[in-house]
Amino acid sequence: MDIEKRRCLRFNLPGRADVTFDRSPSSCVVARTQDFSRQGISIETENFDMLDSKTVHMEITPGWETSEKVSLEGNVIWQRMQGNRCFLGVSIEKMDNQKKNDLLEHSYYLWQTTSNLK
């Protein structure tokens, strides 16, 4: 039996993330956001050579109307390759609390609305 290791409920967060490693413009990649929680976010991007550094800065543009960019700082805590795709899990270290709550509330609303249709 698998034991769930996640401490926080995760929600689907469709959108785009411009990701920079170590704040180096040459290390910028465009990613697709996967899921989001109070403590972290996962993203998917094309295969790339990741720097040794695990520090990231992200500009997230959620995929729903009325969205505005949200910035966050974090650390890569896991990485896996699947074919030509790279998946990363990032722990959130620095993010505006109000914007984080707004993303969580909207994501929760979408999850609740979608799950009630089933």
Protein backbone atom coordinates (compact mmCIF):
# COMPACT_ATOMS: atom_id res chain seq x y z
CA MET A 1 0.00 0.00 0.00
CA ASP A 2 1.33 3.44 -0.97
CA ILE A 3 1.29 6.04 1.76
CA GLU A 4 0.48 9.52 0.56
CA LYS A 5 3.44 11.80 1.27
CA ARG A 6 1.78 15.07 0.35
CA ARG A 7 0.87 17.34 3.22
CA CYS A 8 -1.37 19.71 1.24
CA LEU A 9 -4.23 19.18 -1.17
CA ARG A 10 -3.13 19.86 -4.76
CA PHE A 11 -5.23 21.45 -7.46
CA ASN A 12 -4.89 21.49 -11.24
CA LEU A 13 -3.50 24.87 -12.30
CA PRO A 14 -3.65 25.23 -16.08
CA GLY A 15 -1.38 27.96 -17.36
CA ARG A 16 2.07 29.06 -18.38
CA ALA A 17 5.22 29.64 -16.35
CA ASP A 18 8.31 31.52 -17.45
CA VAL A 19 11.02 29.86 -15.36
CA THR A 20 14.49 31.27 -14.72
CA PHE A 21 17.19 29.37 -12.86
CA ASP A 22 19.48 31.41 -10.62
CA ARG A 23 17.94 34.54 -12.15
CA SER A 24 20.11 33.99 -15.22
CA PRO A 25 18.36 35.22 -18.41
CA SER A 26 20.20 32.55 -20.40
CA SER A 27 18.52 29.84 -18.33
CA CYS A 28 14.92 30.88 -19.02
CA VAL A 29 12.48 28.16 -20.14
CA VAL A 30 8.76 28.24 -20.85
CA ALA A 31 6.77 25.63 -18.97
CA ARG A 32 3.20 24.47 -18.52
CA THR A 33 1.89 24.53 -14.98
CA GLN A 34 0.57 21.19 -13.70
CA ASP A 35 -0.67 21.41 -10.15
CA PHE A 36 -0.45 23.81 -7.26
CA SER A 37 -0.65 23.63 -3.48
CA ARG A 38 0.06 25.88 -0.53
CA GLN A 39 3.65 24.57 -0.43
CA GLY A 40 4.56 23.88 -4.05
CA ILE A 41 3.94 23.75 -7.76
CA SER A 42 4.79 21.26 -10.49
CA ILE A 43 5.56 22.18 -14.07
CA GLU A 44 6.23 20.45 -17.39
CA THR A 45 8.58 21.64 -20.11
CA GLU A 46 10.58 20.35 -23.04
CA ASN A 47 13.84 18.60 -22.26
CA PHE A 48 16.60 21.07 -21.34
CA ASP A 49 19.95 21.06 -19.62
CA MET A 50 19.15 22.06 -16.08
CA LEU A 51 21.78 24.00 -14.22
CA ASP A 52 23.30 22.63 -11.04
CA SER A 53 21.42 25.28 -9.13
CA LYS A 54 18.02 24.40 -7.79
CA THR A 55 16.87 28.00 -7.20
CA VAL A 56 14.10 29.20 -9.54
CA HIS A 57 12.09 32.31 -10.21
CA MET A 58 8.71 31.91 -11.95
CA GLU A 59 6.26 34.26 -13.60
CA ILE A 60 2.99 32.30 -13.72
CA THR A 61 0.11 33.23 -16.00
CA PRO A 62 -2.93 31.13 -15.01
CA GLY A 63 -5.04 29.84 -17.90
CA TRP A 64 -8.34 31.38 -16.87
CA GLU A 65 -9.83 34.73 -17.81
CA THR A 66 -9.10 37.68 -15.53
CA SER A 67 -5.70 36.20 -14.80
CA GLU A 68 -2.65 38.28 -14.13
CA LYS A 69 0.95 37.21 -13.73
CA VAL A 70 2.02 35.94 -10.34
CA SER A 71 5.67 35.74 -9.27
CA LEU A 72 7.25 33.21 -6.98
CA GLU A 73 10.68 32.08 -5.82
CA GLY A 74 11.39 28.46 -4.99
CA ASN A 75 13.66 25.45 -4.98
CA VAL A 76 13.51 22.40 -7.23
CA ILE A 77 12.86 19.41 -4.98
CA TRP A 78 12.39 16.75 -7.66
CA GLN A 79 12.94 16.31 -11.37
CA ARG A 80 12.11 13.48 -13.76
CA MET A 81 12.35 12.92 -17.47
CA GLN A 82 9.68 11.21 -19.52
CA GLY A 83 10.57 10.99 -23.19
CA ASN A 84 11.43 14.49 -24.34
CA ARG A 85 9.51 16.11 -21.46
CA CYS A 86 10.94 17.33 -18.17
CA PHE A 87 8.78 17.48 -15.04
CA LEU A 88 9.85 19.55 -12.03
CA GLY A 89 8.47 19.94 -8.53
CA VAL A 90 9.20 23.26 -6.86
CA SER A 91 8.76 24.14 -3.19
CA ILE A 92 7.53 27.71 -2.82
CA GLU A 93 9.89 29.79 -0.72
CA LYS A 94 8.65 33.31 -1.49
CA MET A 95 5.28 34.38 -2.89
CA ASP A 96 2.77 37.11 -2.12
CA ASN A 97 0.29 35.51 0.32
CA GLN A 98 -2.76 37.23 -1.15
CA LYS A 99 -1.90 36.11 -4.67
CA LYS A 100 -1.23 32.57 -3.43
CA ASN A 101 -4.62 32.53 -1.70
CA ASP A 102 -6.31 33.87 -4.84
CA LEU A 103 -4.77 31.06 -6.94
CA LEU A 104 -5.77 28.44 -4.37
CA GLU A 105 -9.33 29.76 -4.10
CA HIS A 106 -9.85 29.85 -7.85
CA SER A 107 -8.25 26.42 -8.31
CA TYR A 108 -10.45 25.02 -5.52
CA TYR A 109 -13.54 26.52 -7.13
CA LEU A 110 -12.67 24.91 -10.49
CA TRP A 111 -11.97 21.56 -8.80
CA GLN A 112 -15.25 21.70 -6.86
CA THR A 113 -17.28 22.66 -9.94
CA THR A 114 -15.69 19.96 -12.09
CA SER A 115 -15.96 17.20 -9.47
CA ASN A 116 -19.66 17.98 -8.89
CA LEU A 117 -20.37 17.36 -12.60
CA LYS A 118 -19.25 13.73 -12.36
